[in-house]
N, C-alpha and C. Protein backbone atom coordinates (compact mmCIF):
# COMPACT_ATOMS: atom_id res chain seq x y z
N MET A 1 15.64 -3.29 -5.57
CA MET A 1 14.34 -2.79 -5.64
C MET A 1 13.38 -4.09 -5.86
N THR A 2 12.20 -3.96 -5.27
CA THR A 2 11.24 -5.11 -5.38
C THR A 2 10.53 -5.08 -6.72
N PRO A 3 10.44 -6.27 -7.26
CA PRO A 3 9.76 -6.21 -8.67
C PRO A 3 8.36 -5.85 -8.60
N LEU A 4 7.71 -5.23 -9.64
CA LEU A 4 6.47 -4.70 -9.59
C LEU A 4 5.49 -5.81 -9.40
N SER A 5 5.62 -7.00 -9.91
CA SER A 5 4.68 -8.14 -9.82
C SER A 5 4.65 -8.55 -8.32
N THR A 6 5.73 -8.46 -7.58
CA THR A 6 5.63 -8.78 -6.19
C THR A 6 4.86 -7.72 -5.40
N LEU A 7 5.09 -6.44 -5.74
CA LEU A 7 4.43 -5.36 -5.09
C LEU A 7 2.88 -5.48 -5.34
N LEU A 8 2.51 -5.80 -6.53
CA LEU A 8 1.11 -5.99 -6.92
C LEU A 8 0.50 -7.17 -6.04
N GLU A 9 1.17 -8.22 -5.95
CA GLU A 9 0.73 -9.38 -5.11
C GLU A 9 0.52 -8.87 -3.63
N ARG A 10 1.56 -8.26 -3.13
CA ARG A 10 1.41 -7.83 -1.78
C ARG A 10 0.36 -6.76 -1.50
N ALA A 11 0.20 -5.94 -2.49
CA ALA A 11 -0.92 -4.93 -2.42
C ALA A 11 -2.27 -5.57 -2.38
N GLU A 12 -2.38 -6.63 -3.29
CA GLU A 12 -3.72 -7.34 -3.30
C GLU A 12 -3.92 -8.01 -1.87
N ALA A 13 -2.86 -8.58 -1.49
CA ALA A 13 -2.95 -9.34 -0.05
C ALA A 13 -3.39 -8.36 1.08
N VAL A 14 -2.85 -7.14 1.00
CA VAL A 14 -3.18 -6.15 2.13
C VAL A 14 -4.58 -5.75 1.86
N TYR A 15 -5.00 -5.51 0.52
CA TYR A 15 -6.41 -5.07 0.26
C TYR A 15 -7.37 -6.18 0.67
N LEU A 16 -7.04 -7.48 0.38
CA LEU A 16 -8.03 -8.45 0.81
C LEU A 16 -8.03 -8.73 2.25
N THR A 17 -6.94 -8.42 2.97
CA THR A 17 -6.97 -8.60 4.42
C THR A 17 -7.57 -7.41 5.13
N HIS A 18 -7.33 -6.18 4.62
CA HIS A 18 -7.89 -4.90 5.35
C HIS A 18 -9.05 -4.21 4.65
N GLY A 19 -9.36 -4.49 3.42
CA GLY A 19 -10.48 -3.87 2.76
C GLY A 19 -10.17 -2.41 2.56
N SER A 20 -11.34 -1.69 2.88
CA SER A 20 -11.22 -0.19 2.70
C SER A 20 -10.37 0.42 3.63
N GLY A 21 -9.84 -0.26 4.71
CA GLY A 21 -8.97 0.32 5.64
C GLY A 21 -7.56 0.14 5.29
N SER A 22 -7.25 -0.36 4.10
CA SER A 22 -5.87 -0.69 3.62
C SER A 22 -4.97 0.49 3.67
N ALA A 23 -5.36 1.62 3.19
CA ALA A 23 -4.53 2.81 3.09
C ALA A 23 -4.21 3.21 4.59
N ALA A 24 -5.08 3.20 5.44
CA ALA A 24 -4.81 3.53 6.83
C ALA A 24 -3.85 2.52 7.57
N TYR A 25 -4.06 1.30 7.20
CA TYR A 25 -3.20 0.22 7.74
C TYR A 25 -1.74 0.49 7.27
N LEU A 26 -1.62 0.79 5.98
CA LEU A 26 -0.31 1.03 5.43
C LEU A 26 0.41 2.36 5.99
N LEU A 27 -0.43 3.30 6.13
CA LEU A 27 0.13 4.59 6.81
C LEU A 27 0.60 4.23 8.29
N GLU A 28 -0.12 3.49 8.91
CA GLU A 28 0.30 3.10 10.26
C GLU A 28 1.60 2.20 10.23
N GLN A 29 1.63 1.33 9.26
CA GLN A 29 2.91 0.64 9.17
C GLN A 29 4.18 1.52 8.72
N ILE A 30 3.91 2.50 7.93
CA ILE A 30 5.06 3.36 7.57
C ILE A 30 5.40 4.22 8.77
N GLU A 31 4.53 4.70 9.53
CA GLU A 31 4.79 5.51 10.65
C GLU A 31 5.58 4.64 11.75
N THR A 32 5.19 3.38 11.82
CA THR A 32 5.88 2.47 12.78
C THR A 32 7.29 2.18 12.37
N ALA A 33 7.43 1.86 11.13
CA ALA A 33 8.69 1.61 10.51
C ALA A 33 9.67 2.75 10.58
N ILE A 34 9.21 3.98 10.44
CA ILE A 34 10.05 5.20 10.59
C ILE A 34 10.48 5.32 12.11
N ARG A 35 9.45 5.18 13.00
CA ARG A 35 9.78 5.28 14.50
C ARG A 35 10.85 4.28 14.86
N GLU A 36 10.70 3.03 14.32
CA GLU A 36 11.59 2.01 14.76
C GLU A 36 12.87 1.97 13.99
N GLY A 37 13.12 2.96 13.10
CA GLY A 37 14.33 3.03 12.40
C GLY A 37 14.60 1.88 11.28
N ALA A 38 13.54 1.44 10.77
CA ALA A 38 13.60 0.38 9.75
C ALA A 38 14.39 0.78 8.58
N PRO A 39 14.96 -0.17 7.81
CA PRO A 39 15.86 0.17 6.70
C PRO A 39 14.93 0.99 5.72
N VAL A 40 15.58 1.99 4.95
CA VAL A 40 14.98 2.81 3.98
C VAL A 40 14.17 1.96 2.90
N GLN A 41 14.80 0.90 2.44
CA GLN A 41 14.15 0.03 1.54
C GLN A 41 12.80 -0.46 2.01
N ARG A 42 12.66 -0.92 3.25
CA ARG A 42 11.33 -1.42 3.82
C ARG A 42 10.39 -0.30 3.80
N ILE A 43 10.78 1.02 4.12
CA ILE A 43 9.86 2.04 4.16
C ILE A 43 9.41 2.41 2.77
N CYS A 44 10.31 2.43 1.76
CA CYS A 44 9.93 2.69 0.41
C CYS A 44 9.04 1.63 -0.20
N GLU A 45 9.17 0.32 0.26
CA GLU A 45 8.35 -0.73 -0.25
C GLU A 45 6.95 -0.51 0.33
N LEU A 46 6.87 -0.14 1.52
CA LEU A 46 5.47 0.19 2.23
C LEU A 46 4.88 1.44 1.41
N ASP A 47 5.61 2.33 1.19
CA ASP A 47 5.09 3.51 0.46
C ASP A 47 4.65 3.06 -0.98
N HIS A 48 5.38 2.20 -1.75
CA HIS A 48 4.87 1.81 -2.99
C HIS A 48 3.65 0.99 -2.92
N LEU A 49 3.47 0.18 -1.84
CA LEU A 49 2.22 -0.52 -1.58
C LEU A 49 1.12 0.45 -1.42
N LEU A 50 1.30 1.46 -0.56
CA LEU A 50 0.34 2.52 -0.32
C LEU A 50 -0.09 3.21 -1.59
N GLN A 51 0.84 3.52 -2.41
CA GLN A 51 0.55 4.12 -3.68
C GLN A 51 -0.28 3.27 -4.54
N LEU A 52 0.06 1.97 -4.60
CA LEU A 52 -0.88 1.01 -5.30
C LEU A 52 -2.22 0.97 -4.98
N ILE A 53 -2.36 0.84 -3.57
CA ILE A 53 -3.80 0.82 -2.85
C ILE A 53 -4.52 2.20 -3.27
N GLU A 54 -3.90 3.18 -3.14
CA GLU A 54 -4.51 4.59 -3.46
C GLU A 54 -4.93 4.70 -4.93
N TYR A 55 -4.01 4.17 -5.75
CA TYR A 55 -4.28 4.17 -7.21
C TYR A 55 -5.51 3.24 -7.50
N ARG A 56 -5.60 2.14 -6.85
CA ARG A 56 -6.75 1.23 -7.04
C ARG A 56 -8.00 1.93 -6.62
N ASP A 57 -8.01 2.57 -5.38
CA ASP A 57 -9.23 3.23 -4.95
C ASP A 57 -9.58 4.30 -5.83
N ARG A 58 -8.66 5.16 -6.34
CA ARG A 58 -8.97 6.19 -7.30
C ARG A 58 -9.54 5.69 -8.51
N THR A 59 -9.03 4.62 -9.11
CA THR A 59 -9.58 4.01 -10.33
C THR A 59 -10.89 3.51 -10.15
N LEU A 60 -11.17 2.77 -9.06
CA LEU A 60 -12.52 2.25 -8.73
C LEU A 60 -13.55 3.36 -8.56
N ALA A 61 -13.12 4.42 -7.90
CA ALA A 61 -14.00 5.62 -7.71
C ALA A 61 -14.35 6.23 -9.00
N LEU A 62 -13.44 6.29 -9.90
CA LEU A 62 -13.58 6.88 -11.25
C LEU A 62 -14.59 6.15 -12.05
N TYR A 63 -14.42 4.85 -12.06
CA TYR A 63 -15.35 4.02 -12.89
C TYR A 63 -16.70 3.67 -12.25
N ASP A 64 -16.77 3.84 -10.87
CA ASP A 64 -18.02 3.70 -10.30
C ASP A 64 -18.97 4.85 -10.52
N THR A 65 -18.37 6.04 -10.81
CA THR A 65 -19.20 7.22 -11.02
C THR A 65 -19.77 7.34 -12.44
N ARG A 66 -19.28 6.48 -13.34
CA ARG A 66 -19.77 6.59 -14.70
C ARG A 66 -20.94 5.53 -15.00
């Protein structure tokens, strides 16, 4: 299992690279990995990154409305 600190760094890199399109980018990566028969661990890692990006977006949306 990938350490949380590593996942956070990767999620930040994805967000800095793709901005608001990060979630869509990761969904595309997950779909491609599934189609290509990537190892389950790789798909899970991409899913964890997607969850972190979605959590970040929800948190920012919550605090932006207050």
